[in-house]
Amino acid sequence: MDRGRLESFSDGVFAVAITLLALNLTVAGPGHGRLLNLLGHSWPAFAAYVVSFFTIGVIWVNHRSLFSGLARVDRVLLFLNLLLLLFMVAIPFTTATLSDYLRRGGENAHIAAALYGLVMTGMGISFALIFNWAIRRGLMIETMTKKARRDAQLRFGLGMVVYIIATGVSFLSAPAALVCYGAVAAYYVLEHTPAGPTAPSD
């Protein structure tokens, strides 16, 4: 199937999702106090925006990396990619919800942070499914050795483990959970999975 159409459609969804994040960045107008105080009061919105922006950005980079290594795509991969995009377009909503409730604290802040984590976990799982399906079905241009596959899966899975842990942390501290989500984004800036090392099949 045409890989180019899949990538073009996905790029469009990524662009919309990352643009929608900025719509939540608002500050009360004149007459509501000093601007510096208002900006400081809005720190949850800025923090959630930065974490989500880099998360979507890193996903886009890894998505491009993975699909540039595919020789072809099949029907199942198209639906797995749609599953990834399902969670992707939900990130602006969970970001706005988290930024609204984070400053207020209490039970709602914990639930908002957990909701954010669930979407991130779903996104991570769907990306892992794409990666593993492409390997199992032999869709990659270069075949990875068993050791390379195993190492890449372990490295890639680390982020999902942190997402799951951070979702649990949400019920103890919503700000701490946001820090954990940001740490995952930072990890994947340095981690080059899903490309991983390639070698002749063993």
Protein backbone atom coordinates (compact mmCIF):
# COMPACT_ATOMS: atom_id res chain seq x y z
CA MET A 1 0.00 0.00 0.00
CA ASP A 2 1.04 3.61 -0.51
CA ARG A 3 3.28 4.60 2.41
CA GLY A 4 3.34 8.22 1.24
CA ARG A 5 -0.38 8.73 1.76
CA LEU A 6 -0.16 7.31 5.29
CA GLU A 7 2.73 9.61 6.17
CA SER A 8 1.05 12.69 4.66
CA PHE A 9 -2.20 12.02 6.53
CA SER A 10 -0.32 11.38 9.78
CA ASP A 11 1.77 14.54 9.38
CA GLY A 12 -1.43 16.55 8.99
CA VAL A 13 -2.88 15.09 12.19
CA PHE A 14 0.36 15.76 14.08
CA ALA A 15 0.36 19.37 12.84
CA VAL A 16 -3.25 19.94 13.94
CA ALA A 17 -2.70 18.33 17.36
CA ILE A 18 0.44 20.33 18.12
CA THR A 19 -1.23 23.57 16.98
CA LEU A 20 -4.31 23.01 19.14
CA LEU A 21 -2.09 22.95 22.22
CA ALA A 22 -1.53 26.71 21.92
CA LEU A 23 -5.26 27.45 22.16
CA ASN A 24 -5.12 26.78 25.89
CA LEU A 25 -2.48 29.45 26.48
CA THR A 26 -4.51 32.39 27.69
CA VAL A 27 -3.96 35.09 30.30
CA ALA A 28 -6.61 37.29 31.90
CA GLY A 29 -6.93 40.65 30.17
CA PRO A 30 -6.13 44.15 31.46
CA GLY A 31 -7.77 45.06 34.75
CA HIS A 32 -7.19 41.68 36.41
CA GLY A 33 -3.85 42.51 38.02
CA ARG A 34 -0.17 42.70 37.15
CA LEU A 35 0.76 40.76 34.04
CA LEU A 36 3.70 39.05 35.76
CA ASN A 37 1.37 37.80 38.50
CA LEU A 38 -1.14 36.59 35.93
CA LEU A 39 1.57 34.77 33.99
CA GLY A 40 2.81 33.16 37.20
CA HIS A 41 -0.73 32.09 38.06
CA SER A 42 -0.95 30.38 34.66
CA TRP A 43 2.15 28.22 35.17
CA PRO A 44 0.21 24.92 34.91
CA ALA A 45 -0.94 25.80 31.40
CA PHE A 46 2.61 26.65 30.29
CA ALA A 47 4.10 23.56 31.94
CA ALA A 48 1.52 21.22 30.42
CA TYR A 49 1.97 22.92 27.04
CA VAL A 50 5.75 22.41 27.03
CA VAL A 51 5.47 18.75 28.05
CA SER A 52 2.77 18.02 25.47
CA PHE A 53 4.50 19.97 22.70
CA PHE A 54 7.74 18.04 23.08
CA THR A 55 5.85 14.76 23.51
CA ILE A 56 4.00 15.22 20.21
CA GLY A 57 7.17 16.49 18.58
CA VAL A 58 9.20 13.47 19.68
CA ILE A 59 6.43 11.11 18.58
CA TRP A 60 6.46 12.78 15.16
CA VAL A 61 10.25 12.40 14.90
CA ASN A 62 10.11 8.71 15.86
CA HIS A 63 7.12 8.16 13.58
CA ARG A 64 9.10 9.59 10.67
CA SER A 65 12.11 7.48 11.65
CA LEU A 66 10.10 4.27 11.80
CA PHE A 67 8.17 4.75 8.57
CA SER A 68 11.23 5.83 6.62
CA GLY A 69 12.58 2.35 7.39
CA LEU A 70 9.54 0.53 6.04
CA ALA A 71 9.61 -1.10 2.63
CA ARG A 72 5.81 -1.28 2.55
CA VAL A 73 2.71 -0.97 4.72
CA ASP A 74 -0.27 -3.30 5.01
CA ARG A 75 -3.90 -2.90 6.03
CA VAL A 76 -3.32 -3.82 9.67
CA LEU A 77 -0.55 -1.25 9.96
CA LEU A 78 -2.92 1.41 8.62
CA PHE A 79 -5.39 0.67 11.42
CA LEU A 80 -2.65 0.55 14.05
CA ASN A 81 -1.52 3.97 12.82
CA LEU A 82 -5.11 5.22 13.18
CA LEU A 83 -5.09 3.93 16.76
CA LEU A 84 -1.96 6.00 17.41
CA LEU A 85 -3.62 9.08 15.92
CA LEU A 86 -6.72 8.44 18.06
CA PHE A 87 -4.66 9.04 21.18
CA MET A 88 -2.62 11.78 19.51
CA VAL A 89 -5.60 14.04 18.86
CA ALA A 90 -6.75 13.55 22.47
CA ILE A 91 -3.55 15.08 23.86
CA PRO A 92 -4.72 18.73 23.44
CA PHE A 93 -7.90 17.89 25.39
CA THR A 94 -6.07 16.19 28.25
CA THR A 95 -3.47 18.98 28.27
CA ALA A 96 -6.20 21.63 28.63
CA THR A 97 -7.94 19.60 31.33
CA LEU A 98 -4.74 19.10 33.29
CA SER A 99 -3.75 22.76 33.08
CA ASP A 100 -7.23 23.85 34.26
CA TYR A 101 -7.33 21.60 37.30
CA LEU A 102 -3.65 21.42 38.25
CA ARG A 103 -3.60 24.85 39.88
CA ARG A 104 -6.76 24.08 41.86
CA GLY A 105 -5.44 20.89 43.41
CA GLY A 106 -7.58 18.30 45.10
CA GLU A 107 -9.23 15.19 43.69
CA ASN A 108 -9.96 16.74 40.29
CA ALA A 109 -6.27 17.54 39.76
CA HIS A 110 -5.38 13.91 40.47
CA ILE A 111 -8.01 12.67 38.02
CA ALA A 112 -6.91 15.15 35.35
CA ALA A 113 -3.27 14.03 35.69
CA ALA A 114 -4.32 10.37 35.55
CA LEU A 115 -6.42 11.01 32.45
CA TYR A 116 -3.39 12.61 30.82
CA GLY A 117 -1.34 9.56 31.74
CA LEU A 118 -3.90 7.13 30.33
CA VAL A 119 -3.84 8.90 26.97
CA MET A 120 -0.03 8.93 26.96
CA THR A 121 0.04 5.25 27.88
CA GLY A 122 -2.41 4.44 25.08
CA MET A 123 -0.27 6.42 22.67
CA GLY A 124 2.85 4.55 23.75
CA ILE A 125 1.17 1.15 23.46
CA SER A 126 -0.18 1.91 19.98
CA PHE A 127 3.28 3.03 18.81
CA ALA A 128 4.77 -0.18 20.20
CA LEU A 129 2.15 -2.20 18.34
CA ILE A 130 3.11 -0.48 15.09
CA PHE A 131 6.79 -1.16 15.73
CA ASN A 132 6.28 -4.82 16.60
CA TRP A 133 3.85 -5.47 13.77
CA ALA A 134 6.26 -4.00 11.23
CA ILE A 135 9.02 -6.29 12.51
CA ARG A 136 6.89 -9.44 12.73
CA ARG A 137 5.42 -9.00 9.25
CA GLY A 138 8.77 -8.24 7.65
CA LEU A 139 7.78 -4.74 6.55
CA MET A 140 11.16 -3.20 7.33
CA ILE A 141 13.64 -2.41 4.57
CA GLU A 142 16.46 -3.93 6.64
CA THR A 143 15.89 -6.95 8.84
CA MET A 144 16.84 -6.59 12.49
CA THR A 145 18.59 -9.38 14.38
CA LYS A 146 16.76 -10.98 17.27
CA LYS A 147 19.07 -9.28 19.74
CA ALA A 148 18.58 -5.88 18.08
CA ARG A 149 14.81 -6.35 18.17
CA ARG A 150 14.87 -7.36 21.81
CA ASP A 151 17.11 -4.47 22.82
CA ALA A 152 14.98 -1.96 20.89
CA GLN A 153 11.78 -3.31 22.45
CA LEU A 154 13.26 -3.03 25.95
CA ARG A 155 14.45 0.52 25.37
CA PHE A 156 11.17 1.53 23.81
CA GLY A 157 9.14 -0.17 26.55
CA LEU A 158 10.86 1.85 29.28
CA GLY A 159 8.84 4.93 28.36
CA MET A 160 5.55 3.05 28.66
CA VAL A 161 6.53 1.72 32.08
CA VAL A 162 7.20 5.28 33.27
CA TYR A 163 3.85 6.42 31.84
CA ILE A 164 2.07 3.70 33.82
CA ILE A 165 3.98 4.56 37.00
CA ALA A 166 3.33 8.28 36.49
CA THR A 167 -0.39 7.59 36.10
CA GLY A 168 -0.31 5.97 39.53
CA VAL A 169 1.72 8.88 40.91
CA SER A 170 -1.08 11.16 39.70
CA PHE A 171 -3.22 10.09 42.64
CA LEU A 172 -0.47 11.17 45.04
CA SER A 173 0.75 14.36 43.35
CA ALA A 174 -0.45 15.80 40.05
CA PRO A 175 2.60 18.12 39.64
CA ALA A 176 4.97 15.19 40.27
CA ALA A 177 3.15 13.16 37.63
CA LEU A 178 3.58 16.01 35.12
CA VAL A 179 7.32 16.00 35.83
CA CYS A 180 7.39 12.26 35.11
CA TYR A 181 5.55 12.77 31.81
CA GLY A 182 8.09 15.41 30.88
CA ALA A 183 10.94 13.04 31.77
CA VAL A 184 9.59 10.50 29.26
CA ALA A 185 9.60 13.15 26.51
CA ALA A 186 13.20 14.04 27.42
CA TYR A 187 14.15 10.35 27.34
CA TYR A 188 12.81 9.89 23.81
CA VAL A 189 14.67 12.97 22.61
CA LEU A 190 17.87 11.01 23.28
CA GLU A 191 16.55 7.51 22.55
CA HIS A 192 16.65 6.68 18.82
CA THR A 193 14.22 3.78 18.94
CA PRO A 194 12.30 2.64 16.89
CA ALA A 195 15.01 2.70 14.22
CA GLY A 196 17.52 0.73 16.28
CA PRO A 197 20.53 -1.11 14.92
CA THR A 198 20.02 -3.24 11.83
CA ALA A 199 21.90 -6.23 10.58
CA PRO A 200 21.34 -9.29 8.42
CA SER A 201 18.71 -11.62 9.79
CA ASP A 202 19.99 -14.38 12.06
